[in-house]
């Protein structure tokens, strides 16, 4: 069960700040002569564990994908009496400065292990986090294997065109939107994104969910998620169908843009379902036609 709302609200200002654009964060921190976690090589410091709780590696980590229903699904997990989450959904411990230092060979074993300080929990419960951008860091699987040994990984995927549309539907300045048009496109290449994680983690430790299937049958897939995490799979939260972080507006694409996006993502989608047959293409409106390949006449003999 999650920490009471009043306790979590005390860290809400920091949570909101970490959700702002990187350029804004850097500007504010320079004003106060501060730096983002890891920018100077210093890891973020976890608050002391509450009395009666122990810290240790997380039991599960959600790694993706952004704009794919992860906030909704995490809120359902937090309602389970055997799951305790002391912090917000996204720790963002392995942030952009961390990845840059990792790529430069400047991350130590102690840096990775300090991640475990962020996961206090009472005895008899499990805990974790869900930071959707983790999936897109190809070098992160080997670090997470050390930082969170034994952790189960969860990823939720959405029709890549609809995920892209949702990302662009967020209110933002026009200049930021133009940058996001290009930065967000590769995030829907799920087959390529998942490959390093599939190489590092066994099928028993990596759960791939489909957002559209979860919306259609939340009871079925929530039970599957609870079984995957090793908790009572008969539990159901009251607001299982309540939307979370749903977009008020939806960006419209013309037919030409939709065709171009379909051609861009199509080969990757086919590669994904070849490895992940649990993905039901009929539920992805922009790729449902790929579920039944066209039949061509047999060549003459």
C-alpha atoms as a PDB file:
ATOM      1  CA  UNK A   1       0.000   0.000   0.000  1.00  0.00           C
ATOM      2  CA  UNK A   2       1.328   3.465  -0.847  1.00  0.00           C
ATOM      3  CA  UNK A   3       2.243   6.168   1.649  1.00  0.00           C
ATOM      4  CA  UNK A   4      -0.679   8.463   2.655  1.00  0.00           C
ATOM      5  CA  UNK A   5      -1.306  11.325   0.261  1.00  0.00           C
ATOM      6  CA  UNK A   6      -0.374  13.978   2.800  1.00  0.00           C
ATOM      7  CA  UNK A   7       3.090  12.510   3.197  1.00  0.00           C
ATOM      8  CA  UNK A   8       3.683  12.303  -0.533  1.00  0.00           C
ATOM      9  CA  UNK A   9       2.502  15.882  -1.089  1.00  0.00           C
ATOM     10  CA  UNK A  10       5.432  17.202   0.929  1.00  0.00           C
ATOM     11  CA  UNK A  11       7.688  16.260  -1.984  1.00  0.00           C
ATOM     12  CA  UNK A  12       5.274  17.426  -4.698  1.00  0.00           C
ATOM     13  CA  UNK A  13       7.179  20.635  -5.492  1.00  0.00           C
ATOM     14  CA  UNK A  14      10.341  18.657  -6.187  1.00  0.00           C
ATOM     15  CA  UNK A  15       8.337  16.143  -8.237  1.00  0.00           C
ATOM     16  CA  UNK A  16       6.772  18.884 -10.380  1.00  0.00           C
ATOM     17  CA  UNK A  17      10.167  20.534 -10.868  1.00  0.00           C
ATOM     18  CA  UNK A  18      11.705  17.284 -12.127  1.00  0.00           C
ATOM     19  CA  UNK A  19       8.911  17.004 -14.728  1.00  0.00           C
ATOM     20  CA  UNK A  20       9.787  20.417 -16.261  1.00  0.00           C
ATOM     21  CA  UNK A  21      11.973  20.681 -19.401  1.00  0.00           C
ATOM     22  CA  UNK A  22      15.716  20.153 -18.926  1.00  0.00           C
ATOM     23  CA  UNK A  23      16.520  23.689 -20.084  1.00  0.00           C
ATOM     24  CA  UNK A  24      14.185  25.165 -17.446  1.00  0.00           C
ATOM     25  CA  UNK A  25      15.720  23.006 -14.708  1.00  0.00           C
ATOM     26  CA  UNK A  26      19.234  24.088 -15.638  1.00  0.00           C
ATOM     27  CA  UNK A  27      18.241  27.772 -15.695  1.00  0.00           C
ATOM     28  CA  UNK A  28      16.579  27.617 -12.260  1.00  0.00           C
ATOM     29  CA  UNK A  29      19.409  25.633 -10.705  1.00  0.00           C
ATOM     30  CA  UNK A  30      22.030  28.050 -12.054  1.00  0.00           C
ATOM     31  CA  UNK A  31      20.092  30.894 -10.422  1.00  0.00           C
ATOM     32  CA  UNK A  32      20.461  29.226  -7.029  1.00  0.00           C
ATOM     33  CA  UNK A  33      24.006  28.035  -7.747  1.00  0.00           C
ATOM     34  CA  UNK A  34      22.797  24.417  -7.778  1.00  0.00           C
ATOM     35  CA  UNK A  35      23.157  21.512 -10.201  1.00  0.00           C
ATOM     36  CA  UNK A  36      20.897  18.644 -11.265  1.00  0.00           C
ATOM     37  CA  UNK A  37      21.608  15.250  -9.681  1.00  0.00           C
ATOM     38  CA  UNK A  38      24.616  13.642 -11.372  1.00  0.00           C
ATOM     39  CA  UNK A  39      25.536  16.811 -13.299  1.00  0.00           C
ATOM     40  CA  UNK A  40      28.618  17.222 -11.079  1.00  0.00           C
ATOM     41  CA  UNK A  41      29.002  13.494 -10.465  1.00  0.00           C
ATOM     42  CA  UNK A  42      27.097  13.596  -7.180  1.00  0.00           C
ATOM     43  CA  UNK A  43      24.223  11.109  -6.813  1.00  0.00           C
ATOM     44  CA  UNK A  44      20.890  12.236  -5.373  1.00  0.00           C
ATOM     45  CA  UNK A  45      20.698  11.555  -1.646  1.00  0.00           C
ATOM     46  CA  UNK A  46      17.756   9.492  -0.432  1.00  0.00           C
ATOM     47  CA  UNK A  47      15.833  10.687   2.642  1.00  0.00           C
ATOM     48  CA  UNK A  48      16.201   8.602   5.806  1.00  0.00           C
ATOM     49  CA  UNK A  49      14.051   5.495   5.881  1.00  0.00           C
ATOM     50  CA  UNK A  50      10.976   5.839   8.118  1.00  0.00           C
ATOM     51  CA  UNK A  51      11.112   4.031  11.427  1.00  0.00           C
ATOM     52  CA  UNK A  52      10.367   0.345  11.162  1.00  0.00           C
ATOM     53  CA  UNK A  53      11.200   0.108   7.475  1.00  0.00           C
ATOM     54  CA  UNK A  54      14.177  -1.444   5.714  1.00  0.00           C
ATOM     55  CA  UNK A  55      15.846  -0.316   2.493  1.00  0.00           C
ATOM     56  CA  UNK A  56      17.214  -2.506  -0.254  1.00  0.00           C
ATOM     57  CA  UNK A  57      16.992  -3.167  -3.982  1.00  0.00           C
ATOM     58  CA  UNK A  58      13.575  -2.581  -5.544  1.00  0.00           C
ATOM     59  CA  UNK A  59      11.470  -5.625  -6.295  1.00  0.00           C
ATOM     60  CA  UNK A  60      10.260  -4.202  -9.594  1.00  0.00           C
ATOM     61  CA  UNK A  61      11.134  -1.379 -11.982  1.00  0.00           C
ATOM     62  CA  UNK A  62       8.884  -0.044 -14.732  1.00  0.00           C
ATOM     63  CA  UNK A  63      11.063   1.085 -17.621  1.00  0.00           C
ATOM     64  CA  UNK A  64       8.609   2.334 -20.281  1.00  0.00           C
ATOM     65  CA  UNK A  65       7.049   3.552 -22.341  1.00  0.00           C
ATOM     66  CA  UNK A  66       6.148   7.220 -21.948  1.00  0.00           C
ATOM     67  CA  UNK A  67       2.580   8.241 -22.856  1.00  0.00           C
ATOM     68  CA  UNK A  68       1.447   4.606 -22.726  1.00  0.00           C
ATOM     69  CA  UNK A  69      -0.699   4.432 -19.607  1.00  0.00           C
ATOM     70  CA  UNK A  70       2.123   3.843 -17.131  1.00  0.00           C
ATOM     71  CA  UNK A  71       0.793   6.341 -14.562  1.00  0.00           C
ATOM     72  CA  UNK A  72      -2.601   4.612 -14.586  1.00  0.00           C
ATOM     73  CA  UNK A  73      -1.095   1.138 -14.207  1.00  0.00           C
ATOM     74  CA  UNK A  74       1.321   2.229 -11.464  1.00  0.00           C
ATOM     75  CA  UNK A  75      -1.557   3.800  -9.530  1.00  0.00           C
ATOM     76  CA  UNK A  76      -3.326   0.421  -9.614  1.00  0.00           C
ATOM     77  CA  UNK A  77      -0.202  -1.336  -8.350  1.00  0.00           C
ATOM     78  CA  UNK A  78       0.097   1.131  -5.466  1.00  0.00           C
ATOM     79  CA  UNK A  79      -3.357   0.175  -4.261  1.00  0.00           C
ATOM     80  CA  UNK A  80      -2.299  -3.405  -3.507  1.00  0.00           C
ATOM     81  CA  UNK A  81      -1.839  -4.045   0.252  1.00  0.00           C
ATOM     82  CA  UNK A  82       1.333  -6.044  -0.425  1.00  0.00           C
ATOM     83  CA  UNK A  83       2.960  -3.230  -2.442  1.00  0.00           C
ATOM     84  CA  UNK A  84       4.384  -0.244  -0.566  1.00  0.00           C
ATOM     85  CA  UNK A  85       5.675   2.828  -2.417  1.00  0.00           C
ATOM     86  CA  UNK A  86       7.201   5.535  -0.235  1.00  0.00           C
ATOM     87  CA  UNK A  87       8.091   7.924  -3.079  1.00  0.00           C
ATOM     88  CA  UNK A  88       6.538   9.204  -6.301  1.00  0.00           C
ATOM     89  CA  UNK A  89       6.068   7.003  -9.342  1.00  0.00           C
ATOM     90  CA  UNK A  90       9.183   8.222 -11.197  1.00  0.00           C
ATOM     91  CA  UNK A  91      12.437   8.375  -9.260  1.00  0.00           C
ATOM     92  CA  UNK A  92      14.333   9.425 -12.382  1.00  0.00           C
ATOM     93  CA  UNK A  93      17.503   8.260 -10.622  1.00  0.00           C
ATOM     94  CA  UNK A  94      19.147   7.277 -13.902  1.00  0.00           C
ATOM     95  CA  UNK A  95      18.568  10.662 -15.500  1.00  0.00           C
ATOM     96  CA  UNK A  96      20.188  12.261 -18.542  1.00  0.00           C
ATOM     97  CA  UNK A  97      23.369  13.408 -16.699  1.00  0.00           C
ATOM     98  CA  UNK A  98      23.726   9.871 -15.275  1.00  0.00           C
ATOM     99  CA  UNK A  99      23.490   8.321 -18.749  1.00  0.00           C
ATOM    100  CA  UNK A 100      26.054  10.780 -20.094  1.00  0.00           C
ATOM    101  CA  UNK A 101      28.456   9.892 -17.274  1.00  0.00           C
ATOM    102  CA  UNK A 102      27.756   6.196 -17.857  1.00  0.00           C
ATOM    103  CA  UNK A 103      28.575   6.511 -21.555  1.00  0.00           C
ATOM    104  CA  UNK A 104      31.795   8.314 -20.582  1.00  0.00           C
ATOM    105  CA  UNK A 105      32.799   5.528 -18.165  1.00  0.00           C
ATOM    106  CA  UNK A 106      32.469   7.718 -15.065  1.00  0.00           C
ATOM    107  CA  UNK A 107      29.909   5.707 -13.071  1.00  0.00           C
ATOM    108  CA  UNK A 108      31.203   3.644 -10.151  1.00  0.00           C
ATOM    109  CA  UNK A 109      29.781   0.583  -8.407  1.00  0.00           C
ATOM    110  CA  UNK A 110      28.922   2.771  -5.401  1.00  0.00           C
ATOM    111  CA  UNK A 111      26.960   5.102  -7.694  1.00  0.00           C
ATOM    112  CA  UNK A 112      24.833   2.210  -8.901  1.00  0.00           C
ATOM    113  CA  UNK A 113      24.316   0.701  -5.446  1.00  0.00           C
ATOM    114  CA  UNK A 114      23.154   3.987  -3.902  1.00  0.00           C
ATOM    115  CA  UNK A 115      19.970   3.506  -5.969  1.00  0.00           C
ATOM    116  CA  UNK A 116      18.917   0.950  -3.348  1.00  0.00           C
ATOM    117  CA  UNK A 117      18.690   3.625  -0.640  1.00  0.00           C
ATOM    118  CA  UNK A 118      15.500   4.943  -2.260  1.00  0.00           C
ATOM    119  CA  UNK A 119      13.347   1.897  -1.530  1.00  0.00           C
ATOM    120  CA  UNK A 120      12.203   1.670   2.102  1.00  0.00           C
ATOM    121  CA  UNK A 121       9.379  -0.767   2.762  1.00  0.00           C
ATOM    122  CA  UNK A 122       7.763  -2.479   5.757  1.00  0.00           C
ATOM    123  CA  UNK A 123       8.428  -6.167   6.227  1.00  0.00           C
ATOM    124  CA  UNK A 124       6.179  -8.371   4.162  1.00  0.00           C
ATOM    125  CA  UNK A 125       5.754  -5.901   1.297  1.00  0.00           C
ATOM    126  CA  UNK A 126       7.454  -5.241  -2.031  1.00  0.00           C
ATOM    127  CA  UNK A 127       8.326  -1.899  -3.621  1.00  0.00           C
ATOM    128  CA  UNK A 128       9.513  -0.339  -6.854  1.00  0.00           C
ATOM    129  CA  UNK A 129       9.262   2.586  -9.237  1.00  0.00           C
ATOM    130  CA  UNK A 130       8.345   3.331 -12.857  1.00  0.00           C
ATOM    131  CA  UNK A 131      10.416   5.849 -14.848  1.00  0.00           C
ATOM    132  CA  UNK A 132       9.316   5.547 -18.489  1.00  0.00           C
ATOM    133  CA  UNK A 133      12.470   6.892 -20.108  1.00  0.00           C
ATOM    134  CA  UNK A 134      14.709   4.135 -18.677  1.00  0.00           C
ATOM    135  CA  UNK A 135      13.804   1.861 -21.594  1.00  0.00           C
ATOM    136  CA  UNK A 136      15.498   4.159 -24.097  1.00  0.00           C
ATOM    137  CA  UNK A 137      18.962   3.995 -22.505  1.00  0.00           C
ATOM    138  CA  UNK A 138      20.643   1.051 -24.255  1.00  0.00           C
ATOM    139  CA  UNK A 139      23.491   0.884 -21.714  1.00  0.00           C
ATOM    140  CA  UNK A 140      21.233   0.890 -18.659  1.00  0.00           C
ATOM    141  CA  UNK A 141      20.324  -2.849 -18.478  1.00  0.00           C
ATOM    142  CA  UNK A 142      23.803  -3.858 -17.288  1.00  0.00           C
ATOM    143  CA  UNK A 143      23.713  -1.140 -14.616  1.00  0.00           C
ATOM    144  CA  UNK A 144      20.226  -2.045 -13.410  1.00  0.00           C
ATOM    145  CA  UNK A 145      21.242  -5.704 -13.085  1.00  0.00           C
ATOM    146  CA  UNK A 146      23.772  -4.547 -10.469  1.00  0.00           C
ATOM    147  CA  UNK A 147      21.751  -1.734  -8.889  1.00  0.00           C
ATOM    148  CA  UNK A 148      18.558  -3.792  -8.594  1.00  0.00           C
ATOM    149  CA  UNK A 149      19.523  -7.474  -8.499  1.00  0.00           C
ATOM    150  CA  UNK A 150      16.524  -9.742  -8.787  1.00  0.00           C
ATOM    151  CA  UNK A 151      14.145  -6.947  -9.770  1.00  0.00           C
ATOM    152  CA  UNK A 152      11.289  -7.684 -12.157  1.00  0.00           C
ATOM    153  CA  UNK A 153      10.908  -5.287 -15.095  1.00  0.00           C
ATOM    154  CA  UNK A 154       7.622  -4.027 -16.546  1.00  0.00           C
ATOM    155  CA  UNK A 155       7.083  -2.208 -19.823  1.00  0.00           C
ATOM    156  CA  UNK A 156       3.764  -1.068 -21.285  1.00  0.00           C
ATOM    157  CA  UNK A 157       3.526  -0.424 -25.030  1.00  0.00           C
ATOM    158  CA  UNK A 158       0.966   1.542 -26.995  1.00  0.00           C
ATOM    159  CA  UNK A 159       0.248   1.902 -30.710  1.00  0.00           C
ATOM    160  CA  UNK A 160       3.395   3.898 -31.614  1.00  0.00           C
ATOM    161  CA  UNK A 161       1.506   6.425 -33.726  1.00  0.00           C
ATOM    162  CA  UNK A 162      -0.991   7.064 -30.911  1.00  0.00           C
ATOM    163  CA  UNK A 163       1.859   7.278 -28.388  1.00  0.00           C
ATOM    164  CA  UNK A 164       3.548   9.871 -30.610  1.00  0.00           C
ATOM    165  CA  UNK A 165       0.273  11.776 -31.006  1.00  0.00           C
ATOM    166  CA  UNK A 166      -0.225  11.803 -27.232  1.00  0.00           C
ATOM    167  CA  UNK A 167       3.314  13.066 -26.651  1.00  0.00           C
ATOM    168  CA  UNK A 168       2.785  15.959 -29.054  1.00  0.00           C
ATOM    169  CA  UNK A 169      -0.586  16.797 -27.491  1.00  0.00           C
ATOM    170  CA  UNK A 170       1.008  18.075 -24.306  1.00  0.00           C
ATOM    171  CA  UNK A 171       0.776  21.873 -23.871  1.00  0.00           C
ATOM    172  CA  UNK A 172       4.190  23.434 -24.510  1.00  0.00           C
ATOM    173  CA  UNK A 173       5.840  26.393 -26.283  1.00  0.00           C
ATOM    174  CA  UNK A 174       6.045  26.063 -30.075  1.00  0.00           C
ATOM    175  CA  UNK A 175       9.856  25.864 -30.009  1.00  0.00           C
ATOM    176  CA  UNK A 176       9.755  22.944 -27.580  1.00  0.00           C
ATOM    177  CA  UNK A 177       7.106  21.252 -29.690  1.00  0.00           C
ATOM    178  CA  UNK A 178       9.318  21.441 -32.781  1.00  0.00           C
ATOM    179  CA  UNK A 179      12.181  19.769 -30.878  1.00  0.00           C
ATOM    180  CA  UNK A 180       9.836  17.116 -29.501  1.00  0.00           C
ATOM    181  CA  UNK A 181       8.574  16.238 -33.001  1.00  0.00           C
ATOM    182  CA  UNK A 182      12.007  14.765 -33.733  1.00  0.00           C
ATOM    183  CA  UNK A 183      13.077  13.606 -30.260  1.00  0.00           C
ATOM    184  CA  UNK A 184       9.887  11.629 -29.662  1.00  0.00           C
ATOM    185  CA  UNK A 185       9.827   9.726 -32.959  1.00  0.00           C
ATOM    186  CA  UNK A 186      12.454   7.036 -32.088  1.00  0.00           C
ATOM    187  CA  UNK A 187      10.674   6.283 -28.789  1.00  0.00           C
ATOM    188  CA  UNK A 188       8.081   4.286 -30.704  1.00  0.00           C
ATOM    189  CA  UNK A 189      10.659   1.926 -32.204  1.00  0.00           C
ATOM    190  CA  UNK A 190       9.836  -0.666 -29.565  1.00  0.00           C
ATOM    191  CA  UNK A 191      11.604  -3.627 -31.154  1.00  0.00           C
ATOM    192  CA  UNK A 192      14.946  -1.814 -31.165  1.00  0.00           C
ATOM    193  CA  UNK A 193      14.306  -0.299 -27.736  1.00  0.00           C
ATOM    194  CA  UNK A 194      13.537  -3.654 -26.099  1.00  0.00           C
ATOM    195  CA  UNK A 195      16.379  -5.639 -27.644  1.00  0.00           C
ATOM    196  CA  UNK A 196      19.116  -4.791 -25.081  1.00  0.00           C
ATOM    197  CA  UNK A 197      16.663  -5.454 -22.250  1.00  0.00           C
ATOM    198  CA  UNK A 198      15.647  -8.817 -23.697  1.00  0.00           C
ATOM    199  CA  UNK A 199      19.317  -9.749 -23.987  1.00  0.00           C
ATOM    200  CA  UNK A 200      19.967  -8.876 -20.336  1.00  0.00           C
ATOM    201  CA  UNK A 201      16.756 -10.216 -18.749  1.00  0.00           C
ATOM    202  CA  UNK A 202      14.990 -13.548 -19.062  1.00  0.00           C
ATOM    203  CA  UNK A 203      11.364 -13.841 -20.127  1.00  0.00           C
ATOM    204  CA  UNK A 204      10.483 -14.642 -16.499  1.00  0.00           C
ATOM    205  CA  UNK A 205      11.836 -11.259 -15.372  1.00  0.00           C
ATOM    206  CA  UNK A 206      10.470  -8.976 -18.129  1.00  0.00           C
ATOM    207  CA  UNK A 207       6.733  -8.391 -18.458  1.00  0.00           C
ATOM    208  CA  UNK A 208       5.568  -6.678 -21.666  1.00  0.00           C
ATOM    209  CA  UNK A 209       2.035  -5.302 -21.473  1.00  0.00           C
ATOM    210  CA  UNK A 210      -0.065  -3.775 -24.237  1.00  0.00           C
ATOM    211  CA  UNK A 211      -1.890  -0.613 -23.195  1.00  0.00           C
ATOM    212  CA  UNK A 212      -4.904  -1.225 -25.412  1.00  0.00           C
ATOM    213  CA  UNK A 213      -5.329  -4.769 -24.091  1.00  0.00           C
ATOM    214  CA  UNK A 214      -5.123  -3.483 -20.507  1.00  0.00           C
ATOM    215  CA  UNK A 215      -7.813  -0.887 -21.234  1.00  0.00           C
ATOM    216  CA  UNK A 216     -10.076  -3.546 -22.757  1.00  0.00           C
ATOM    217  CA  UNK A 217      -9.516  -6.177 -20.028  1.00  0.00           C
ATOM    218  CA  UNK A 218      -7.959  -4.485 -16.977  1.00  0.00           C
ATOM    219  CA  UNK A 219      -8.932  -7.265 -14.556  1.00  0.00           C
ATOM    220  CA  UNK A 220      -7.175  -9.908 -16.655  1.00  0.00           C
ATOM    221  CA  UNK A 221      -3.926  -8.030 -17.091  1.00  0.00           C
ATOM    222  CA  UNK A 222      -3.807  -6.602 -13.583  1.00  0.00           C
ATOM    223  CA  UNK A 223      -4.052 -10.164 -12.269  1.00  0.00           C
ATOM    224  CA  UNK A 224      -1.231 -11.138 -14.641  1.00  0.00           C
ATOM    225  CA  UNK A 225       0.872  -8.238 -13.351  1.00  0.00           C
ATOM    226  CA  UNK A 226       0.254  -9.155  -9.716  1.00  0.00           C
ATOM    227  CA  UNK A 227       1.189 -12.801 -10.420  1.00  0.00           C
ATOM    228  CA  UNK A 228       4.354 -11.609 -12.142  1.00  0.00           C
ATOM    229  CA  UNK A 229       5.256  -9.606  -9.030  1.00  0.00           C
ATOM    230  CA  UNK A 230       4.449 -12.479  -6.699  1.00  0.00           C
ATOM    231  CA  UNK A 231       1.574 -10.856  -4.792  1.00  0.00           C
ATOM    232  CA  UNK A 232      -2.069 -11.848  -4.344  1.00  0.00           C
ATOM    233  CA  UNK A 233      -3.560 -11.758  -7.847  1.00  0.00           C
ATOM    234  CA  UNK A 234      -7.157 -11.743  -6.630  1.00  0.00           C
ATOM    235  CA  UNK A 235      -6.945  -8.171  -5.291  1.00  0.00           C
ATOM    236  CA  UNK A 236      -8.703  -5.451  -7.323  1.00  0.00           C
ATOM    237  CA  UNK A 237      -8.556  -1.714  -6.545  1.00  0.00           C
ATOM    238  CA  UNK A 238     -11.849   0.182  -6.604  1.00  0.00           C
ATOM    239  CA  UNK A 239     -10.964   2.651  -9.365  1.00  0.00           C
ATOM    240  CA  UNK A 240      -9.592   0.088 -11.788  1.00  0.00           C
ATOM    241  CA  UNK A 241     -11.067   1.864 -14.832  1.00  0.00           C
ATOM    242  CA  UNK A 242     -10.504   5.459 -13.706  1.00  0.00           C
ATOM    243  CA  UNK A 243      -8.348   7.364 -16.230  1.00  0.00           C
ATOM    244  CA  UNK A 244      -5.111   8.939 -15.005  1.00  0.00           C
ATOM    245  CA  UNK A 245      -3.218  11.724 -16.826  1.00  0.00           C
ATOM    246  CA  UNK A 246      -5.616  11.519 -19.772  1.00  0.00           C
ATOM    247  CA  UNK A 247      -5.050  14.240 -22.380  1.00  0.00           C
ATOM    248  CA  UNK A 248      -7.664  16.978 -22.539  1.00  0.00           C
ATOM    249  CA  UNK A 249      -6.871  17.624 -26.203  1.00  0.00           C
ATOM    250  CA  UNK A 250      -5.713  15.348 -28.994  1.00  0.00           C
ATOM    251  CA  UNK A 251      -3.434  16.502 -31.796  1.00  0.00           C
ATOM    252  CA  UNK A 252      -4.827  15.709 -35.196  1.00  0.00           C
ATOM    253  CA  UNK A 253      -2.700  14.224 -38.006  1.00  0.00           C
ATOM    254  CA  UNK A 254      -3.712  14.452 -41.661  1.00  0.00           C
ATOM    255  CA  UNK A 255      -3.842  11.308 -43.778  1.00  0.00           C
ATOM    256  CA  UNK A 256      -0.450  11.943 -45.343  1.00  0.00           C
ATOM    257  CA  UNK A 257       1.224  12.204 -41.922  1.00  0.00           C
ATOM    258  CA  UNK A 258      -0.509   9.044 -40.724  1.00  0.00           C
ATOM    259  CA  UNK A 259       0.716   7.142 -43.797  1.00  0.00           C
ATOM    260  CA  UNK A 260       4.260   8.380 -43.290  1.00  0.00           C
ATOM    261  CA  UNK A 261       4.246   7.401 -39.619  1.00  0.00           C
ATOM    262  CA  UNK A 262       2.808   3.998 -40.511  1.00  0.00           C
ATOM    263  CA  UNK A 263       5.611   3.404 -43.010  1.00  0.00           C
ATOM    264  CA  UNK A 264       8.192   4.596 -40.505  1.00  0.00           C
ATOM    265  CA  UNK A 265       7.049   2.349 -37.663  1.00  0.00           C
ATOM    266  CA  UNK A 266       5.709  -0.589 -39.699  1.00  0.00           C
ATOM    267  CA  UNK A 267       8.916  -2.683 -40.050  1.00  0.00           C
ATOM    268  CA  UNK A 268       9.724  -2.253 -36.365  1.00  0.00           C
ATOM    269  CA  UNK A 269       6.163  -3.254 -35.392  1.00  0.00           C
ATOM    270  CA  UNK A 270       6.493  -6.463 -37.437  1.00  0.00           C
ATOM    271  CA  UNK A 271       9.831  -7.233 -35.773  1.00  0.00           C
ATOM    272  CA  UNK A 272       8.243  -6.650 -32.378  1.00  0.00           C
ATOM    273  CA  UNK A 273       5.286  -9.012 -32.862  1.00  0.00           C
ATOM    274  CA  UNK A 274       7.609 -11.674 -34.281  1.00  0.00           C
ATOM    275  CA  UNK A 275       9.360 -11.712 -30.897  1.00  0.00           C
ATOM    276  CA  UNK A 276       6.346 -10.750 -28.787  1.00  0.00           C
ATOM    277  CA  UNK A 277       3.271 -12.659 -30.003  1.00  0.00           C
ATOM    278  CA  UNK A 278       1.340 -11.366 -26.997  1.00  0.00           C
ATOM    279  CA  UNK A 279       1.043  -8.025 -28.820  1.00  0.00           C
ATOM    280  CA  UNK A 280      -2.361  -8.019 -30.541  1.00  0.00           C
ATOM    281  CA  UNK A 281      -2.014  -5.927 -33.698  1.00  0.00           C
ATOM    282  CA  UNK A 282      -5.774  -5.782 -34.129  1.00  0.00           C
ATOM    283  CA  UNK A 283      -5.810  -3.440 -31.103  1.00  0.00           C
ATOM    284  CA  UNK A 284      -3.400  -0.968 -32.720  1.00  0.00           C
ATOM    285  CA  UNK A 285      -5.603   1.023 -35.120  1.00  0.00           C
ATOM    286  CA  UNK A 286      -2.692   2.226 -37.242  1.00  0.00           C
ATOM    287  CA  UNK A 287      -1.261  -1.276 -37.722  1.00  0.00           C
ATOM    288  CA  UNK A 288      -4.288  -3.573 -37.564  1.00  0.00           C
ATOM    289  CA  UNK A 289      -3.931  -4.221 -41.298  1.00  0.00           C
ATOM    290  CA  UNK A 290      -0.575  -5.917 -40.615  1.00  0.00           C
ATOM    291  CA  UNK A 291      -2.281  -8.583 -38.490  1.00  0.00           C
ATOM    292  CA  UNK A 292      -3.517 -10.292 -41.676  1.00  0.00           C
ATOM    293  CA  UNK A 293      -0.859 -10.179 -44.404  1.00  0.00           C
ATOM    294  CA  UNK A 294      -2.199  -9.920 -47.969  1.00  0.00           C
ATOM    295  CA  UNK A 295      -2.495 -13.175 -49.896  1.00  0.00           C
ATOM    296  CA  UNK A 296      -0.706 -13.232 -53.242  1.00  0.00           C
ATOM    297  CA  UNK A 297      -1.223 -15.759 -56.013  1.00  0.00           C
ATOM    298  CA  UNK A 298       1.263 -18.640 -55.900  1.00  0.00           C
ATOM    299  CA  UNK A 299       4.056 -18.349 -58.504  1.00  0.00           C
ATOM    300  CA  UNK A 300       3.637 -20.568 -61.567  1.00  0.00           C
ATOM    301  CA  UNK A 301       5.275 -23.973 -61.308  1.00  0.00           C
END
